Amino acid sequence: MNRQPGLVGSDDFFRALGNVERRRILVALLTQESIQVPELTARDDSSSEQARIVELYHHHLPKLVNIGVIEWDIQNWEVRRGSSFDQIRPTLDLLATNDSVLPGDWL
């Protein structure tokens, strides 16, 4: 099946939502125009902030850029909604609205 240019295919859609780090980024962009990468790593848990930055930089952010749901300004460490973000917005809205009934690790 040929995919239309600019449309997020089913596999990419589930890839974008298939990891908690990527879901956190996308849900944060529901209410913010842009996010600084260090904001994405600030958490009160035992994992290393430096390790999270490396993982974002080399894995999660490039994946979301390739799908088209974010734009990433590497020089300014800034992430903002991409041209395909609105295609996944309804699902993100649904997940964010029903946060209380979803598994604890969804976000």
C-alpha atoms as a PDB file:
ATOM      1  CA  MET A   1       0.000   0.000   0.000  1.00  0.00           C
ATOM      2  CA  ASN A   2       1.421   3.399  -0.981  1.00  0.00           C
ATOM      3  CA  ARG A   3       1.358   6.088   1.645  1.00  0.00           C
ATOM      4  CA  GLN A   4       0.395   9.622   0.693  1.00  0.00           C
ATOM      5  CA  PRO A   5       3.162  12.162   1.289  1.00  0.00           C
ATOM      6  CA  GLY A   6       2.713  14.047   4.543  1.00  0.00           C
ATOM      7  CA  LEU A   7       0.381  11.504   6.101  1.00  0.00           C
ATOM      8  CA  VAL A   8       1.437   9.561   9.174  1.00  0.00           C
ATOM      9  CA  GLY A   9       1.050   5.868   8.406  1.00  0.00           C
ATOM     10  CA  SER A  10      -0.218   3.363  10.962  1.00  0.00           C
ATOM     11  CA  ASP A  11       3.234   1.949  11.716  1.00  0.00           C
ATOM     12  CA  ASP A  12       4.719   5.422  12.246  1.00  0.00           C
ATOM     13  CA  PHE A  13       1.719   6.427  14.343  1.00  0.00           C
ATOM     14  CA  PHE A  14       2.265   3.523  16.727  1.00  0.00           C
ATOM     15  CA  ARG A  15       6.060   4.036  16.676  1.00  0.00           C
ATOM     16  CA  ALA A  16       5.554   7.637  17.791  1.00  0.00           C
ATOM     17  CA  LEU A  17       3.325   6.556  20.685  1.00  0.00           C
ATOM     18  CA  GLY A  18       5.186   3.326  21.441  1.00  0.00           C
ATOM     19  CA  ASN A  19       7.552   4.700  24.073  1.00  0.00           C
ATOM     20  CA  VAL A  20       6.858   6.632  27.262  1.00  0.00           C
ATOM     21  CA  GLU A  21       9.563   9.239  26.497  1.00  0.00           C
ATOM     22  CA  ARG A  22       8.033   9.989  23.101  1.00  0.00           C
ATOM     23  CA  ARG A  23       4.523  10.131  24.593  1.00  0.00           C
ATOM     24  CA  ARG A  24       5.728  12.638  27.217  1.00  0.00           C
ATOM     25  CA  ILE A  25       7.154  14.879  24.515  1.00  0.00           C
ATOM     26  CA  LEU A  26       4.030  14.730  22.376  1.00  0.00           C
ATOM     27  CA  VAL A  27       1.608  15.278  25.266  1.00  0.00           C
ATOM     28  CA  ALA A  28       3.676  18.256  26.469  1.00  0.00           C
ATOM     29  CA  LEU A  29       3.369  19.768  22.995  1.00  0.00           C
ATOM     30  CA  LEU A  30      -0.423  19.663  23.266  1.00  0.00           C
ATOM     31  CA  THR A  31      -0.291  22.678  25.561  1.00  0.00           C
ATOM     32  CA  GLN A  32       3.061  24.280  24.708  1.00  0.00           C
ATOM     33  CA  GLU A  33       4.296  25.712  21.422  1.00  0.00           C
ATOM     34  CA  SER A  34       7.836  24.579  22.136  1.00  0.00           C
ATOM     35  CA  ILE A  35       9.860  22.790  24.783  1.00  0.00           C
ATOM     36  CA  GLN A  36      13.517  23.028  25.703  1.00  0.00           C
ATOM     37  CA  VAL A  37      15.158  19.581  25.673  1.00  0.00           C
ATOM     38  CA  PRO A  38      16.417  19.888  29.295  1.00  0.00           C
ATOM     39  CA  GLU A  39      12.751  20.332  30.373  1.00  0.00           C
ATOM     40  CA  LEU A  40      12.051  16.905  28.885  1.00  0.00           C
ATOM     41  CA  THR A  41      14.591  15.243  31.158  1.00  0.00           C
ATOM     42  CA  ALA A  42      13.686  16.883  34.485  1.00  0.00           C
ATOM     43  CA  ARG A  43      12.150  14.161  36.643  1.00  0.00           C
ATOM     44  CA  ASP A  44      12.226  12.931  40.187  1.00  0.00           C
ATOM     45  CA  ASP A  45      13.409   9.391  39.599  1.00  0.00           C
ATOM     46  CA  SER A  46      16.619   7.443  39.840  1.00  0.00           C
ATOM     47  CA  SER A  47      17.562   7.543  36.167  1.00  0.00           C
ATOM     48  CA  SER A  48      20.391   9.805  35.111  1.00  0.00           C
ATOM     49  CA  GLU A  49      19.463  13.076  33.440  1.00  0.00           C
ATOM     50  CA  GLN A  50      22.544  12.792  31.216  1.00  0.00           C
ATOM     51  CA  ALA A  51      21.506   9.294  30.101  1.00  0.00           C
ATOM     52  CA  ARG A  52      18.014  10.573  29.256  1.00  0.00           C
ATOM     53  CA  ILE A  53      19.479  13.449  27.206  1.00  0.00           C
ATOM     54  CA  VAL A  54      21.648  11.025  25.237  1.00  0.00           C
ATOM     55  CA  GLU A  55      18.678   8.732  24.617  1.00  0.00           C
ATOM     56  CA  LEU A  56      16.500  11.659  23.490  1.00  0.00           C
ATOM     57  CA  TYR A  57      19.227  13.087  21.275  1.00  0.00           C
ATOM     58  CA  HIS A  58      20.176   9.833  19.546  1.00  0.00           C
ATOM     59  CA  HIS A  59      16.920   7.898  19.520  1.00  0.00           C
ATOM     60  CA  HIS A  60      13.593   9.493  20.425  1.00  0.00           C
ATOM     61  CA  LEU A  61      13.858  12.981  18.915  1.00  0.00           C
ATOM     62  CA  PRO A  62      15.230  11.791  15.544  1.00  0.00           C
ATOM     63  CA  LYS A  63      12.453   9.191  15.344  1.00  0.00           C
ATOM     64  CA  LEU A  64       9.752  11.821  15.960  1.00  0.00           C
ATOM     65  CA  VAL A  65      11.387  14.187  13.444  1.00  0.00           C
ATOM     66  CA  ASN A  66      11.466  11.434  10.790  1.00  0.00           C
ATOM     67  CA  ILE A  67       7.769  10.750  11.355  1.00  0.00           C
ATOM     68  CA  GLY A  68       7.093  14.486  11.007  1.00  0.00           C
ATOM     69  CA  VAL A  69       5.326  15.057  14.313  1.00  0.00           C
ATOM     70  CA  ILE A  70       8.029  17.333  15.760  1.00  0.00           C
ATOM     71  CA  GLU A  71      10.625  19.794  14.564  1.00  0.00           C
ATOM     72  CA  TRP A  72      13.884  19.917  16.478  1.00  0.00           C
ATOM     73  CA  ASP A  73      16.219  22.899  16.597  1.00  0.00           C
ATOM     74  CA  ILE A  74      19.427  21.178  17.668  1.00  0.00           C
ATOM     75  CA  GLN A  75      21.405  24.399  18.132  1.00  0.00           C
ATOM     76  CA  ASN A  76      18.841  25.858  20.532  1.00  0.00           C
ATOM     77  CA  TRP A  77      17.832  22.528  22.123  1.00  0.00           C
ATOM     78  CA  GLU A  78      14.215  23.272  21.277  1.00  0.00           C
ATOM     79  CA  VAL A  79      11.408  20.952  20.173  1.00  0.00           C
ATOM     80  CA  ARG A  80       8.145  22.149  18.625  1.00  0.00           C
ATOM     81  CA  ARG A  81       5.177  20.640  16.790  1.00  0.00           C
ATOM     82  CA  GLY A  82       5.921  19.300  13.341  1.00  0.00           C
ATOM     83  CA  SER A  83       3.834  19.456  10.182  1.00  0.00           C
ATOM     84  CA  SER A  84       2.158  16.105  10.952  1.00  0.00           C
ATOM     85  CA  PHE A  85       1.472  16.775  14.645  1.00  0.00           C
ATOM     86  CA  ASP A  86      -2.220  17.515  14.075  1.00  0.00           C
ATOM     87  CA  GLN A  87      -2.691  14.023  12.644  1.00  0.00           C
ATOM     88  CA  ILE A  88      -1.932  12.466  16.025  1.00  0.00           C
ATOM     89  CA  ARG A  89      -3.446  15.252  18.152  1.00  0.00           C
ATOM     90  CA  PRO A  90      -6.892  13.575  18.515  1.00  0.00           C
ATOM     91  CA  THR A  91      -5.282  10.459  19.989  1.00  0.00           C
ATOM     92  CA  LEU A  92      -3.046  12.512  22.281  1.00  0.00           C
ATOM     93  CA  ASP A  93      -6.079  14.516  23.449  1.00  0.00           C
ATOM     94  CA  LEU A  94      -7.957  11.295  24.148  1.00  0.00           C
ATOM     95  CA  LEU A  95      -5.058   9.840  26.131  1.00  0.00           C
ATOM     96  CA  ALA A  96      -4.469  13.042  28.104  1.00  0.00           C
ATOM     97  CA  THR A  97      -8.176  13.412  28.892  1.00  0.00           C
ATOM     98  CA  ASN A  98      -8.416   9.823  30.153  1.00  0.00           C
ATOM     99  CA  ASP A  99      -5.154   9.842  32.084  1.00  0.00           C
ATOM    100  CA  SER A 100      -6.819   8.663  35.306  1.00  0.00           C
ATOM    101  CA  VAL A 101      -8.030   5.381  33.774  1.00  0.00           C
ATOM    102  CA  LEU A 102      -4.875   4.483  31.843  1.00  0.00           C
ATOM    103  CA  PRO A 103      -2.058   2.310  33.200  1.00  0.00           C
ATOM    104  CA  GLY A 104       0.350   4.196  35.450  1.00  0.00           C
ATOM    105  CA  ASP A 105       3.262   3.856  33.036  1.00  0.00           C
ATOM    106  CA  TRP A 106       1.530   5.301  29.992  1.00  0.00           C
ATOM    107  CA  LEU A 107       3.096   8.699  30.724  1.00  0.00           C
END
